[in-house]
Protein backbone atom coordinates (compact mmCIF):
# COMPACT_ATOMS: atom_id res chain seq x y z
CA MET A 1 -16.55 18.45 -2.96
CA THR A 2 -16.46 14.68 -2.59
CA ALA A 3 -13.86 13.52 -0.06
CA PRO A 4 -10.73 12.24 -1.83
CA THR A 5 -9.63 8.62 -1.67
CA VAL A 6 -6.08 7.99 -0.54
CA LEU A 7 -3.52 5.22 -0.98
CA SER A 8 -1.12 5.35 1.97
CA VAL A 9 2.22 3.60 1.31
CA ALA A 10 4.39 2.57 4.25
CA SER A 11 7.00 -0.06 5.03
CA GLU A 12 5.59 -0.70 8.51
CA VAL A 13 2.18 -0.33 10.14
CA PHE A 14 1.30 -0.84 13.81
CA PRO A 15 0.19 -3.31 15.11
CA LEU A 16 1.21 -5.58 12.22
CA VAL A 17 4.89 -4.64 12.05
CA LYS A 18 6.79 -1.91 13.89
CA THR A 19 10.35 -0.68 14.37
CA GLY A 20 9.59 2.97 15.15
CA GLY A 21 7.18 5.88 15.09
CA LEU A 22 6.45 5.53 11.37
CA ALA A 23 4.41 2.40 12.13
CA ASP A 24 2.38 4.20 14.80
CA VAL A 25 1.49 7.01 12.41
CA ALA A 26 0.71 4.71 9.48
CA GLY A 27 -1.56 2.65 11.72
CA ALA A 28 -3.37 5.46 13.53
CA LEU A 29 -3.88 8.09 10.84
CA PRO A 30 -6.27 6.19 8.50
CA PRO A 31 -8.94 5.56 11.19
CA ALA A 32 -8.67 9.20 12.26
CA LEU A 33 -9.16 10.31 8.66
CA ALA A 34 -12.33 8.20 8.40
CA ALA A 35 -13.95 10.67 10.80
CA GLU A 36 -13.16 13.36 8.20
CA GLY A 37 -14.81 11.34 5.44
CA VAL A 38 -11.48 10.41 3.83
CA ALA A 39 -11.23 6.77 2.74
CA VAL A 40 -7.70 5.35 3.03
CA ARG A 41 -6.24 2.05 1.91
CA THR A 42 -2.76 1.20 3.13
CA LEU A 43 -0.20 -0.60 0.98
CA LEU A 44 2.55 -2.43 2.85
CA PRO A 45 4.96 -5.30 2.20
CA GLY A 46 3.89 -8.89 2.81
CA TYR A 47 6.29 -9.70 5.63
CA PRO A 48 5.56 -13.03 7.40
CA ALA A 49 3.80 -11.30 10.31
CA VAL A 50 1.61 -9.32 7.91
CA LEU A 51 0.61 -12.39 5.91
CA GLU A 52 -0.16 -14.23 9.14
CA ALA A 53 -2.46 -11.40 10.25
CA THR A 54 -4.23 -11.30 6.88
CA ARG A 55 -4.92 -14.98 6.25
CA GLY A 56 -7.69 -15.41 3.72
CA ALA A 57 -6.83 -12.14 1.97
CA GLU A 58 -8.22 -11.85 -1.56
CA PRO A 59 -5.76 -11.76 -4.49
CA VAL A 60 -6.65 -8.74 -6.64
CA HIS A 61 -3.66 -8.47 -8.98
CA ALA A 62 -0.60 -10.47 -10.00
CA TRP A 63 2.78 -9.76 -11.56
CA ALA A 64 4.74 -12.44 -13.34
CA GLN A 65 7.87 -10.43 -12.60
CA LEU A 66 8.34 -7.70 -10.00
CA GLN A 67 11.92 -6.87 -9.07
CA GLY A 68 13.21 -10.39 -9.45
CA GLY A 69 10.24 -12.70 -9.00
CA PRO A 70 6.46 -13.15 -9.11
CA ALA A 71 4.23 -11.13 -6.81
CA ARG A 72 0.59 -10.73 -5.87
CA LEU A 73 -1.46 -7.90 -4.45
CA LEU A 74 -3.82 -9.01 -1.68
CA ALA A 75 -6.80 -7.06 -0.34
CA ALA A 76 -7.53 -7.51 3.34
CA ARG A 77 -9.05 -5.94 6.42
CA ALA A 78 -7.01 -6.24 9.61
CA ALA A 79 -6.34 -4.20 12.75
CA GLY A 80 -9.09 -1.78 11.76
CA LEU A 81 -7.36 -0.96 8.47
CA ASP A 82 -8.20 -1.52 4.82
CA LEU A 83 -5.02 -3.04 3.44
CA LEU A 84 -3.30 -3.89 0.19
CA VAL A 85 -0.50 -6.36 0.91
CA LEU A 86 2.33 -6.82 -1.57
CA ASP A 87 2.99 -10.56 -1.38
CA ALA A 88 6.42 -11.07 -2.96
CA PRO A 89 8.17 -13.94 -1.16
CA HIS A 90 11.50 -13.35 -2.90
CA LEU A 91 11.56 -9.88 -1.34
CA TYR A 92 9.75 -10.10 1.99
CA ALA A 93 9.58 -13.70 3.24
CA ARG A 94 12.24 -13.11 5.88
CA PRO A 95 11.95 -13.24 9.65
CA GLY A 96 12.80 -10.44 12.05
CA ASN A 97 13.51 -6.81 11.28
CA PRO A 98 12.06 -5.50 7.98
CA TYR A 99 15.30 -3.78 6.98
CA VAL A 100 18.24 -5.74 8.42
CA GLY A 101 19.25 -9.36 8.86
CA ASP A 102 20.30 -11.16 12.02
CA ASP A 103 23.84 -9.85 11.47
CA GLY A 104 22.59 -6.28 11.87
CA LYS A 105 23.44 -5.42 8.26
CA GLU A 106 20.89 -4.08 5.79
CA TRP A 107 19.42 -6.63 3.40
CA PRO A 108 21.56 -6.38 0.23
CA ASP A 109 18.47 -6.12 -1.97
CA ASN A 110 16.72 -3.32 -0.07
CA ALA A 111 16.88 -1.22 -3.23
CA GLN A 112 14.74 -3.78 -5.06
CA ARG A 113 12.51 -4.55 -2.07
CA PHE A 114 11.32 -0.99 -1.65
CA ALA A 115 11.38 -0.10 -5.33
CA ALA A 116 8.83 -2.90 -5.70
CA LEU A 117 6.66 -1.33 -3.00
CA SER A 118 6.83 2.05 -4.72
CA LEU A 119 6.18 0.60 -8.17
CA ALA A 120 3.13 -1.28 -6.90
CA ALA A 121 1.88 1.96 -5.35
CA ALA A 122 2.33 3.82 -8.63
CA GLN A 123 0.45 1.16 -10.57
CA VAL A 124 -2.41 1.18 -8.08
CA GLY A 125 -2.41 4.95 -8.45
CA ARG A 126 -2.76 4.58 -12.20
CA GLY A 127 -5.72 2.24 -11.92
CA ILE A 128 -4.70 -1.43 -12.02
CA LEU A 129 -7.52 -2.02 -9.51
CA PRO A 130 -10.69 -0.67 -11.16
CA ALA A 131 -12.58 -0.80 -7.86
CA PHE A 132 -10.01 1.46 -6.19
CA VAL A 133 -8.40 4.32 -8.09
CA PRO A 134 -7.07 6.76 -5.51
CA ASP A 135 -7.06 10.50 -5.91
CA ILE A 136 -3.93 10.79 -3.75
CA VAL A 137 -0.89 8.55 -3.25
CA HIS A 138 0.67 9.37 0.12
CA ALA A 139 4.21 8.02 0.49
CA HIS A 140 5.88 7.71 3.89
CA ASP A 141 9.67 7.95 4.30
CA TRP A 142 12.38 6.70 1.96
CA GLN A 143 10.99 3.19 1.59
CA ALA A 144 8.08 4.67 -0.40
CA GLY A 145 10.05 7.57 -1.85
CA LEU A 146 10.19 6.23 -5.42
CA ALA A 147 6.37 6.16 -5.72
CA PRO A 148 6.20 9.86 -6.72
CA ALA A 149 9.10 9.24 -9.13
CA TYR A 150 7.39 6.30 -10.88
CA LEU A 151 4.23 8.38 -11.19
CA HIS A 152 6.12 11.46 -12.38
CA TYR A 153 8.00 9.61 -15.11
CA GLY A 154 5.12 7.36 -16.14
CA GLY A 155 3.84 9.73 -18.81
CA ALA A 156 0.12 9.15 -18.40
CA ARG A 157 -2.38 11.00 -16.21
CA ARG A 158 -1.64 10.31 -12.56
CA PRO A 159 -3.04 10.92 -9.09
CA ARG A 160 -1.67 13.69 -6.92
CA THR A 161 1.16 12.79 -4.55
CA VAL A 162 2.19 13.59 -0.98
CA MET A 163 5.58 12.75 0.54
CA THR A 164 5.94 12.68 4.33
CA VAL A 165 9.32 12.80 6.04
CA HIS A 166 9.30 11.03 9.38
CA ASN A 167 13.08 11.22 9.83
CA LEU A 168 15.35 12.92 7.32
CA ALA A 169 18.37 11.05 8.67
CA PHE A 170 17.26 7.87 6.87
CA GLN A 171 17.36 8.57 3.13
CA GLY A 172 17.71 5.31 1.20
CA GLN A 173 20.69 5.78 -1.14
CA PHE A 174 21.64 3.10 -3.68
CA PRO A 175 24.05 2.78 -6.63
CA GLY A 176 23.19 4.79 -9.72
CA THR A 177 23.92 1.71 -11.83
CA LEU A 178 20.57 0.25 -10.68
CA LEU A 179 18.55 2.86 -12.59
CA ALA A 180 17.47 0.62 -15.48
CA GLU A 181 16.93 -2.39 -13.23
CA LEU A 182 14.57 -0.32 -11.10
CA GLY A 183 12.58 0.65 -14.19
CA LEU A 184 13.47 4.35 -14.21
CA PRO A 185 14.30 6.21 -17.44
CA ALA A 186 17.80 7.53 -18.04
CA HIS A 187 16.65 11.17 -17.82
CA ALA A 188 15.44 10.54 -14.26
CA PHE A 189 19.07 10.47 -13.16
CA SER A 190 19.42 14.23 -12.85
CA MET A 191 19.63 16.87 -10.15
CA ASP A 192 15.91 17.56 -10.56
CA GLY A 193 15.08 13.85 -10.44
CA VAL A 194 16.29 10.87 -8.43
CA GLU A 195 20.05 11.53 -8.58
CA TYR A 196 21.67 12.40 -5.25
CA PHE A 197 25.46 12.81 -5.07
CA GLY A 198 25.92 10.13 -7.71
CA THR A 199 23.45 7.69 -6.14
CA ILE A 200 19.74 7.05 -6.51
CA GLY A 201 18.20 8.83 -3.53
CA TYR A 202 14.83 7.33 -2.67
CA LEU A 203 13.85 10.01 -0.18
CA LYS A 204 15.38 12.73 -2.32
CA ALA A 205 13.27 11.51 -5.26
CA GLY A 206 10.07 11.81 -3.26
CA LEU A 207 11.02 15.24 -1.93
CA ALA A 208 11.87 16.50 -5.41
CA LEU A 209 8.91 15.04 -7.31
CA ALA A 210 5.89 14.83 -5.00
CA ASP A 211 3.22 17.50 -5.37
CA ARG A 212 3.17 18.27 -1.66
CA LEU A 213 5.59 17.58 1.19
CA THR A 214 4.83 17.19 4.87
CA THR A 215 6.84 16.63 7.99
CA VAL A 216 5.61 15.43 11.37
CA SER A 217 5.89 18.74 13.23
CA PRO A 218 5.89 22.42 12.23
CA ARG A 219 9.25 23.19 13.83
CA TYR A 220 10.93 20.23 12.10
CA ALA A 221 9.60 21.55 8.78
CA MET A 222 11.59 24.72 9.44
CA GLU A 223 14.66 23.04 10.94
CA ILE A 224 15.31 20.76 7.98
CA ARG A 225 15.67 23.77 5.68
CA THR A 226 18.88 24.66 7.55
CA PRO A 227 22.34 23.13 7.08
CA GLU A 228 22.37 22.06 10.74
CA PHE A 229 19.34 19.77 10.40
CA GLY A 230 18.97 19.38 6.63
CA MET A 231 21.19 16.29 6.24
CA GLY A 232 22.40 17.50 2.85
CA LEU A 233 18.86 18.10 1.57
CA ASP A 234 18.35 21.60 3.00
CA GLY A 235 18.89 23.29 -0.38
CA LEU A 236 16.19 21.18 -2.03
CA LEU A 237 13.85 21.70 0.91
CA ARG A 238 14.34 25.46 0.85
CA HIS A 239 13.54 25.36 -2.88
CA ARG A 240 10.33 23.43 -2.15
CA ALA A 241 9.36 25.29 1.02
CA GLY A 242 6.21 26.62 -0.66
CA VAL A 243 4.68 23.14 -0.89
CA MET A 244 5.82 21.88 2.52
CA THR A 245 3.65 21.68 5.64
CA GLY A 246 4.46 20.60 9.15
CA ILE A 247 1.61 18.59 10.69
CA LEU A 248 2.14 17.41 14.23
CA ASN A 249 1.72 13.70 14.93
CA GLY A 250 -0.79 12.39 17.43
CA ILE A 251 -1.05 9.16 19.38
CA ASP A 252 -3.80 6.58 19.65
CA THR A 253 -5.51 7.83 22.80
CA GLU A 254 -7.53 4.65 23.16
CA TYR A 255 -4.42 2.48 23.23
CA TRP A 256 -2.54 5.02 25.35
CA ASN A 257 -5.20 5.57 27.97
CA PRO A 258 -4.14 5.49 31.65
CA ALA A 259 -7.73 4.85 32.74
CA THR A 260 -7.97 1.56 30.82
CA ASP A 261 -4.33 0.54 30.30
CA PRO A 262 -4.11 -3.23 30.99
CA TYR A 263 -0.37 -2.96 31.69
CA LEU A 264 -0.90 -0.73 34.72
CA PRO A 265 -1.65 -2.31 38.11
CA SER A 266 -3.46 0.90 39.10
CA PRO A 267 -5.37 2.68 36.31
CA PHE A 268 -5.93 6.41 36.79
CA ASP A 269 -7.06 9.61 35.14
CA ALA A 270 -6.72 13.34 35.75
CA LYS A 271 -9.13 13.14 38.70
CA ARG A 272 -7.33 10.14 40.24
CA VAL A 273 -3.69 11.08 39.77
CA ALA A 274 -2.88 9.77 43.26
CA ASN A 275 -3.42 6.24 41.89
CA ARG A 276 -0.10 6.62 40.05
CA GLU A 277 1.76 5.90 43.30
CA ALA A 278 0.90 2.21 43.07
CA ASN A 279 2.32 2.13 39.54
CA LYS A 280 5.47 3.87 40.75
CA ALA A 281 5.91 1.20 43.41
CA ALA A 282 5.40 -1.55 40.84
CA LEU A 283 7.90 0.11 38.48
CA ARG A 284 10.53 0.30 41.22
CA GLU A 285 9.96 -3.34 42.09
CA ARG A 286 10.22 -4.46 38.46
CA PHE A 287 13.54 -2.65 38.00
CA GLY A 288 14.97 -3.55 41.40
CA LEU A 289 15.01 0.01 42.76
CA ASP A 290 14.85 1.03 46.40
CA PRO A 291 11.32 1.87 47.61
CA ASP A 292 12.35 5.42 48.53
CA ALA A 293 9.31 7.67 48.88
CA GLY A 294 11.56 10.71 48.99
CA ALA A 295 13.18 10.13 45.58
CA PRO A 296 11.72 11.36 42.30
CA LEU A 297 11.77 8.68 39.62
CA PHE A 298 12.85 9.60 36.08
CA GLY A 299 12.05 7.30 33.17
CA VAL A 300 13.36 6.76 29.63
CA VAL A 301 11.74 4.84 26.77
CA SER A 302 13.94 5.30 23.74
CA ARG A 303 16.20 3.93 21.08
CA LEU A 304 19.72 4.10 22.48
CA THR A 305 21.33 6.24 19.80
CA TRP A 306 23.31 9.42 19.31
CA GLN A 307 20.27 11.08 17.71
CA LYS A 308 18.25 10.46 20.86
CA GLY A 309 20.97 12.04 23.02
CA MET A 310 21.45 8.89 25.03
CA ASP A 311 25.19 9.51 25.36
CA VAL A 312 24.36 12.85 27.01
CA LEU A 313 22.00 11.11 29.42
CA LEU A 314 24.57 8.42 30.23
CA GLU A 315 27.13 11.11 31.04
CA SER A 316 24.57 12.75 33.34
CA VAL A 317 23.68 9.66 35.40
CA PRO A 318 26.10 10.39 38.30
CA ASP A 319 24.68 13.91 38.63
CA LEU A 320 21.10 12.61 38.50
CA VAL A 321 21.83 10.18 41.32
CA ALA A 322 23.56 12.96 43.29
CA LEU A 323 20.32 14.95 43.09
CA GLY A 324 18.64 12.19 45.11
CA ALA A 325 16.74 10.84 42.10
CA GLN A 326 16.30 7.42 40.54
CA LEU A 327 16.29 6.33 36.89
CA VAL A 328 14.68 3.51 34.90
CA LEU A 329 15.39 2.96 31.21
CA VAL A 330 13.80 0.77 28.54
CA GLY A 331 15.48 0.67 25.14
CA SER A 332 18.00 -0.82 22.75
CA GLY A 333 20.33 0.44 20.08
CA GLU A 334 24.04 1.14 19.83
CA SER A 335 26.06 -1.53 21.61
CA ALA A 336 28.28 0.96 23.46
CA LEU A 337 25.25 2.72 24.92
CA GLU A 338 23.60 -0.58 25.84
CA ALA A 339 26.77 -1.56 27.70
CA GLY A 340 27.00 1.87 29.30
CA PHE A 341 23.53 1.75 30.80
CA ARG A 342 24.04 -1.82 32.00
CA ALA A 343 27.20 -0.61 33.73
CA ALA A 344 25.34 2.35 35.26
CA SER A 345 22.72 -0.02 36.62
CA SER A 346 25.48 -2.11 38.25
CA ALA A 347 27.30 0.96 39.56
CA TYR A 348 24.18 2.39 41.23
CA PRO A 349 22.16 -0.59 42.50
CA GLY A 350 18.76 0.38 43.79
CA LEU A 351 19.01 3.77 42.08
CA VAL A 352 19.36 2.98 38.36
CA GLY A 353 17.59 0.19 36.49
CA ALA A 354 18.04 -0.60 32.80
CA MET A 355 16.09 -2.99 30.56
CA VAL A 356 18.09 -3.36 27.35
CA GLY A 357 15.62 -4.45 24.71
CA PHE A 358 12.00 -3.51 24.27
CA ASP A 359 9.02 -4.71 26.25
CA GLU A 360 5.58 -3.16 25.69
CA SER A 361 4.40 -3.71 29.24
CA ALA A 362 7.56 -2.11 30.66
CA ALA A 363 7.14 0.90 28.37
CA HIS A 364 3.58 1.42 29.61
CA LEU A 365 4.63 0.98 33.22
CA VAL A 366 7.33 3.65 32.82
CA GLN A 367 4.75 6.04 31.40
CA GLY A 368 2.25 5.22 34.12
CA GLY A 369 4.65 5.12 37.08
CA ALA A 370 7.61 7.45 36.53
CA ASP A 371 7.39 11.03 37.74
CA ALA A 372 9.11 12.46 34.68
CA LEU A 373 10.34 11.27 31.29
CA ILE A 374 13.73 12.35 29.91
CA VAL A 375 13.86 13.02 26.14
CA PRO A 376 17.27 14.54 25.30
CA SER A 377 17.18 14.19 21.49
CA ARG A 378 19.68 16.11 19.39
CA PHE A 379 17.00 16.30 16.70
CA GLU A 380 13.44 14.99 16.82
CA PRO A 381 11.04 15.15 13.86
CA CYS A 382 8.08 14.79 16.21
CA GLY A 383 8.55 12.26 18.96
CA LEU A 384 5.73 10.14 20.33
CA THR A 385 7.09 9.15 23.73
CA GLN A 386 6.62 12.68 25.10
CA LEU A 387 3.01 12.68 23.85
CA CYS A 388 2.38 9.45 25.74
CA ALA A 389 4.04 11.01 28.79
CA LEU A 390 1.73 14.03 28.67
CA ARG A 391 -1.27 11.73 28.40
CA TYR A 392 -0.10 9.84 31.51
CA GLY A 393 0.89 12.86 33.60
CA THR A 394 4.58 11.94 33.34
CA ILE A 395 6.31 15.30 33.03
CA PRO A 396 8.59 15.49 29.95
CA VAL A 397 12.11 16.83 30.41
CA ALA A 398 12.86 17.46 26.76
CA ALA A 399 15.37 19.10 24.46
CA ARG A 400 14.09 22.22 22.71
CA VAL A 401 14.16 20.78 19.18
CA GLY A 402 11.68 19.73 16.50
CA GLY A 403 8.41 18.22 17.66
CA LEU A 404 9.57 18.29 21.27
CA ALA A 405 9.58 22.09 21.15
CA ASP A 406 6.12 22.04 19.52
CA THR A 407 4.54 19.81 22.18
CA VAL A 408 6.34 20.53 25.47
CA SER A 409 5.82 23.96 27.04
CA ASP A 410 8.40 24.90 29.64
CA ALA A 411 6.98 25.24 33.15
CA ASN A 412 8.66 28.49 34.02
CA GLU A 413 7.09 30.86 36.53
CA MET A 414 5.05 32.71 33.91
CA ALA A 415 3.78 29.50 32.30
CA LEU A 416 2.73 27.72 35.48
CA VAL A 417 0.05 30.23 36.44
CA PRO A 418 -2.09 30.22 33.24
CA SER A 419 -1.85 26.43 32.77
CA ALA A 420 0.56 26.83 29.87
CA GLY A 421 3.50 24.81 31.20
CA ASN A 422 3.33 21.03 30.84
CA GLY A 423 7.01 20.01 31.02
CA LEU A 424 10.58 21.26 31.13
CA GLN A 425 12.77 22.18 28.17
CA PHE A 426 16.52 22.55 27.85
CA ALA A 427 19.07 23.65 25.29
CA PRO A 428 21.67 23.02 24.06
CA VAL A 429 21.77 19.22 24.20
CA THR A 430 24.67 18.90 26.62
CA SER A 431 25.11 17.14 29.92
CA GLU A 432 25.46 20.50 31.67
CA ALA A 433 22.15 21.81 30.33
CA LEU A 434 20.37 18.53 31.03
CA VAL A 435 21.61 18.34 34.63
CA LEU A 436 20.52 21.92 35.34
CA THR A 437 17.04 21.06 34.07
CA LEU A 438 16.93 17.82 36.07
CA GLU A 439 17.82 19.89 39.13
CA ARG A 440 14.88 22.19 38.34
CA ALA A 441 12.62 19.16 37.87
CA VAL A 442 13.62 17.73 41.26
CA SER A 443 12.92 21.09 42.90
CA LEU A 444 9.48 21.27 41.30
CA TRP A 445 8.73 17.67 42.28
CA ARG A 446 9.45 18.43 45.93
CA ASP A 447 6.75 21.13 45.79
CA ARG A 448 3.92 18.63 45.68
CA ALA A 449 1.13 21.14 44.96
CA THR A 450 3.04 22.65 42.03
CA TRP A 451 3.92 19.23 40.63
CA ARG A 452 0.31 18.08 40.82
CA ARG A 453 -0.74 21.23 38.98
CA LEU A 454 1.88 20.50 36.32
CA GLN A 455 0.51 16.98 35.91
CA GLN A 456 -2.97 18.39 35.39
CA HIS A 457 -1.63 20.71 32.70
CA ALA A 458 0.10 17.78 30.99
CA MET A 459 -2.93 15.51 31.02
CA ALA A 460 -5.09 18.28 29.55
CA ALA A 461 -2.91 18.45 26.41
CA ASP A 462 -4.58 17.47 23.13
CA VAL A 463 -2.30 14.66 21.94
CA GLY A 464 -4.76 12.68 19.78
CA TRP A 465 -5.23 12.48 16.04
CA ARG A 466 -8.41 14.58 15.69
CA ARG A 467 -6.66 17.87 14.92
CA PRO A 468 -3.87 16.42 12.71
CA ALA A 469 -6.45 14.40 10.77
CA LYS A 470 -8.36 17.60 9.98
CA GLN A 471 -5.15 19.15 8.67
CA TYR A 472 -4.33 16.13 6.48
CA ALA A 473 -7.91 16.02 5.17
CA ALA A 474 -7.74 19.71 4.26
CA LEU A 475 -4.43 19.14 2.46
CA TYR A 476 -5.86 16.18 0.53
CA ARG A 477 -8.97 18.13 -0.50
CA GLU A 478 -6.92 21.10 -1.66
CA LEU A 479 -4.59 18.85 -3.62
CA ALA A 480 -7.37 16.79 -5.19
CA ALA A 481 -9.10 19.97 -6.34
CA SER A 482 -5.95 21.26 -8.06
CA PRO A 483 -5.44 20.70 -11.80
CA ALA A 484 -4.81 17.08 -12.73
CA ALA A 485 -1.18 16.10 -13.37
């Protein structure tokens, strides 16, 4: 059959705008799908940075009124992607974070901002652009969650729909009184529709009404059907388990390539792992750590949040230092955790270094210079930082949850021999369990031959998009061949 055409709908796309892993996936998946013969156009909001990157874009549609003001749809090619940009200044012409203002509070009109994105997606799906009528509308996370709803309640023939959950913790809930303003019919406000505990649930709507559901790892697809991880949606997800698939994320292996990484003073590959030592020295210097050749260096690149287990790591810092190890951290998030890691850096000068904030070069240097990367998430839909770590021979020390469990194989005695182990896992997510695993990591690191073998296992892992793209392409083809809705 002819390869289906796909409209991908996302609120952020790397490298144009990024706050998290959603942007990485939305930016990397379309080029990977091109190798499978699947043509993808990506619809995203016209934030200032996006409009700057797409100067000269061609207007292809206009609305006199779209959620409170006029809007245009622009066609552009940028960052290797075919784009449709929703230019609606009253909704998106704001600096900084796409979702919150300078005060850290969500924009008060986020309901309208992302309803507009979903409504534009639905109208493209129904054919407002004669030159591009997609077979599939693929919505990512809550910001695009109403797209399947608008298509479901539209009445006319529609394309097939896919809803991908990148993180179930973020659901997009807004007052039920907005139903008419958002252009949804009264009967949509039901348990089988968009209603969610008396609110309009954007993610819930997509999960209830899309033809197929995906998550970003197989284990997460199972976990979210349980009360522990289901965030109140486990009942719905159990009901729809027959149309849900877990497809593991990949990373852009050209961008994350230790042999060509411009941020590393000493590029390397699996045959030149010894070159990492120069990066380790540079990392220590950048973070003001002692140049101690006898100390293993642990790294962290993470949002500083409860979900990511950063409170557990902070509690474990004294024990990590007592093991004779060092720690560098790059990240930002909850103010108490930011303050805690700053205090740890002051309490252990030369042993702990913290960069509160995000810096791309520092993140790459951690991956290219640290011996191991700590990922103590309480739940993790997929995780990308551990995939980067594997690519760079930085051994992940990861919680046994979600995508971390799917990508990190514990280097126990049985796994080391057949090249199966590529990291260390721990459970439950407690300081005690983490410290025991850090102790095991330090012991393995001191056995240089074993550690080098572990690095080789890690760098041999397939962390790119080739395999996931084949799975998405197969899903699209199956869906496009099913009876029209």
